[in-house]
Protein backbone atom coordinates (compact mmCIF):
# COMPACT_ATOMS: atom_id res chain seq x y z
CA MET A 1 125.32 195.75 92.69
CA ALA A 2 125.06 192.06 93.43
CA LYS A 3 128.34 190.34 94.25
CA ARG A 4 128.94 187.52 91.80
CA SER A 5 131.80 185.18 91.05
CA LYS A 6 133.71 185.82 87.85
CA ILE A 7 131.89 182.93 86.10
CA ALA A 8 128.46 184.09 87.31
CA GLN A 9 129.25 187.63 86.19
CA ALA A 10 130.37 186.36 82.77
CA ALA A 11 127.13 184.38 82.42
CA PHE A 12 125.17 187.42 83.54
CA ASP A 13 126.88 189.65 80.91
CA ILE A 14 126.17 187.10 78.17
CA ALA A 15 122.56 186.50 79.17
CA GLU A 16 121.41 190.02 80.04
CA PRO A 17 120.93 191.33 76.48
CA VAL A 18 119.14 188.11 75.47
CA ALA A 19 116.78 188.47 78.45
CA ARG A 20 116.10 192.11 77.54
CA GLU A 21 115.29 191.16 73.91
CA MET A 22 112.78 188.63 75.25
CA GLY A 23 111.11 191.27 77.45
CA LEU A 24 112.63 189.84 80.64
CA ASP A 25 114.78 191.27 83.39
CA LEU A 26 117.88 189.25 84.30
CA VAL A 27 118.15 190.08 87.99
CA ASP A 28 120.99 187.80 89.13
CA ALA A 29 123.33 184.91 88.32
CA GLU A 30 125.10 182.47 90.56
CA TYR A 31 127.69 179.79 90.01
CA LYS A 32 128.22 177.57 93.00
CA LYS A 33 129.08 174.11 94.22
CA GLU A 34 126.39 172.18 96.01
CA GLY A 35 127.55 168.77 97.20
CA GLN A 36 129.62 167.33 94.38
CA SER A 37 127.94 169.34 91.62
CA LEU A 38 128.38 172.77 90.12
CA PHE A 39 125.24 174.83 89.42
CA LEU A 40 124.78 177.81 87.18
CA ARG A 41 121.52 179.61 87.95
CA LEU A 42 120.06 182.60 86.23
CA PHE A 43 117.25 184.53 87.90
CA ILE A 44 114.76 186.35 85.69
CA ASP A 45 111.67 188.44 86.28
CA LYS A 46 109.26 190.61 84.31
CA GLN A 47 106.71 193.28 84.93
CA GLY A 48 103.37 191.72 85.84
CA GLY A 49 104.89 188.43 87.00
CA LEU A 50 106.80 185.48 85.66
CA GLY A 51 105.42 182.15 84.58
CA ILE A 52 107.03 178.75 84.05
CA ASP A 53 106.81 179.20 80.31
CA ASP A 54 108.98 182.32 80.59
CA CYS A 55 111.66 180.36 82.46
CA GLU A 56 111.47 177.47 79.95
CA ASN A 57 111.66 179.70 76.89
CA PHE A 58 114.58 181.68 78.25
CA SER A 59 116.41 178.54 79.28
CA ARG A 60 116.03 177.02 75.75
CA THR A 61 117.23 180.27 74.18
CA ILE A 62 120.21 181.01 76.42
CA ASP A 63 121.53 177.47 77.02
CA PRO A 64 123.22 177.03 73.62
CA ILE A 65 124.59 180.59 73.73
CA LEU A 66 126.19 179.95 77.17
CA ASP A 67 127.57 176.64 75.90
CA GLU A 68 129.29 178.51 73.07
CA LYS A 69 130.48 181.60 74.90
CA LEU A 70 131.06 180.62 78.55
CA SER A 71 134.41 178.96 79.23
CA HIS A 72 133.19 177.01 82.26
CA ASP A 73 130.69 174.18 82.28
CA ALA A 74 128.30 173.63 85.14
CA ASP A 75 126.91 170.21 85.92
CA TYR A 76 123.45 171.73 86.13
CA PHE A 77 121.91 174.83 84.53
CA GLU A 78 118.74 176.37 85.93
CA VAL A 79 116.56 179.37 85.19
CA SER A 80 114.34 180.56 87.99
CA SER A 81 112.27 183.39 89.43
CA PRO A 82 114.09 185.36 92.10
CA GLY A 83 111.18 184.69 94.45
CA LEU A 84 108.74 187.06 96.12
CA THR A 85 110.89 187.65 99.20
CA ARG A 86 114.20 188.23 97.46
CA PRO A 87 115.81 191.42 98.89
CA LEU A 88 116.04 194.32 96.49
CA SER A 89 119.66 195.21 95.97
CA GLU A 90 120.05 197.43 92.89
CA PRO A 91 118.29 200.57 91.60
CA ALA A 92 116.75 198.52 88.82
CA ASP A 93 114.98 196.32 91.48
CA TYR A 94 113.25 199.40 92.86
CA ARG A 95 112.23 200.62 89.39
CA ARG A 96 110.85 197.14 88.56
CA TYR A 97 108.55 197.19 91.55
CA GLU A 98 107.43 200.81 91.37
CA GLY A 99 103.86 201.10 92.61
CA GLU A 100 104.24 198.09 94.88
CA LYS A 101 104.46 198.05 98.71
CA LEU A 102 107.87 197.57 100.24
CA ASP A 103 109.17 196.77 103.73
CA VAL A 104 112.45 198.61 104.45
CA SER A 105 114.83 198.09 107.37
CA LEU A 106 117.38 200.86 107.93
CA PHE A 107 120.82 200.90 109.48
CA LYS A 108 119.92 203.99 111.53
CA GLU A 109 116.65 205.63 112.53
CA LEU A 110 114.79 207.89 110.15
CA ASN A 111 111.87 209.89 111.61
CA GLY A 112 112.14 207.86 114.79
CA THR A 113 112.03 204.38 113.26
CA LYS A 114 114.32 201.86 111.61
CA ASN A 115 111.44 200.06 109.76
CA ILE A 116 109.32 201.69 107.09
CA THR A 117 106.57 200.26 104.92
CA GLY A 118 105.34 202.15 101.94
CA ILE A 119 104.58 202.13 98.23
CA ILE A 120 107.44 202.87 95.87
CA ALA A 121 106.57 206.25 94.40
CA GLY A 122 109.83 206.57 92.49
CA SER A 123 113.53 205.89 92.51
CA ASP A 124 116.78 206.94 90.91
CA GLU A 125 120.39 205.79 91.14
CA GLU A 126 120.86 207.07 94.70
CA LYS A 127 117.50 206.81 96.51
CA VAL A 128 114.00 205.43 96.60
CA THR A 129 110.90 207.45 97.51
CA LEU A 130 108.14 205.69 99.46
CA THR A 131 104.62 206.86 100.23
CA THR A 132 103.68 205.56 103.68
CA GLU A 133 100.19 204.49 104.75
CA ASP A 134 99.61 207.95 106.32
CA GLY A 135 100.40 209.61 102.97
CA GLU A 136 103.89 210.84 103.97
CA SER A 137 106.57 210.87 101.27
CA VAL A 138 109.89 209.50 102.51
CA GLU A 139 113.18 209.57 100.55
CA ILE A 140 115.66 206.88 101.55
CA SER A 141 119.23 206.62 100.30
CA TYR A 142 120.18 203.09 99.21
CA GLN A 143 123.27 203.29 101.43
CA ASP A 144 120.99 203.66 104.47
CA ILE A 145 119.00 200.52 103.65
CA SER A 146 119.89 197.38 105.57
CA LYS A 147 117.26 195.28 103.82
CA ALA A 148 114.33 195.97 101.50
CA VAL A 149 111.78 193.31 100.46
CA ARG A 150 108.41 193.40 98.77
CA HIS A 151 105.57 193.52 101.28
CA ILE A 152 103.38 190.44 101.02
CA ASP A 153 99.80 190.43 102.39
CA PHE A 154 98.25 187.08 102.95
């Protein structure tokens, strides 16, 4: 699970059901000081990709709800995509990107390597299963993953 401040977690808890109703995945929230200003950021995604209209619609919907229910005011509120290279950190992240290619770095070697690239064939609460380029199926426990990001071909 992502580590969030109490305020970010409260915002996440308020916004998550609203995002789900809108067909979106709320993937993270942060509340932090940058310079002299406090920022509250919510990161959303959806199957098939996210557009600027999705961010704008969610922002307009959730802003008054957060104003009413959240006890802390930020100087700035933003809704954003988590970005293509955001590390996957929760089982829901792996489910969201099932069928896509992933680059995984491990804490310790598995089958003689600490780096595996493969397509997400499935996942559950404890592990992800990847199909490598040579067709091998590899199960990896989340606790063994140092970092996992979506593979991007240019």
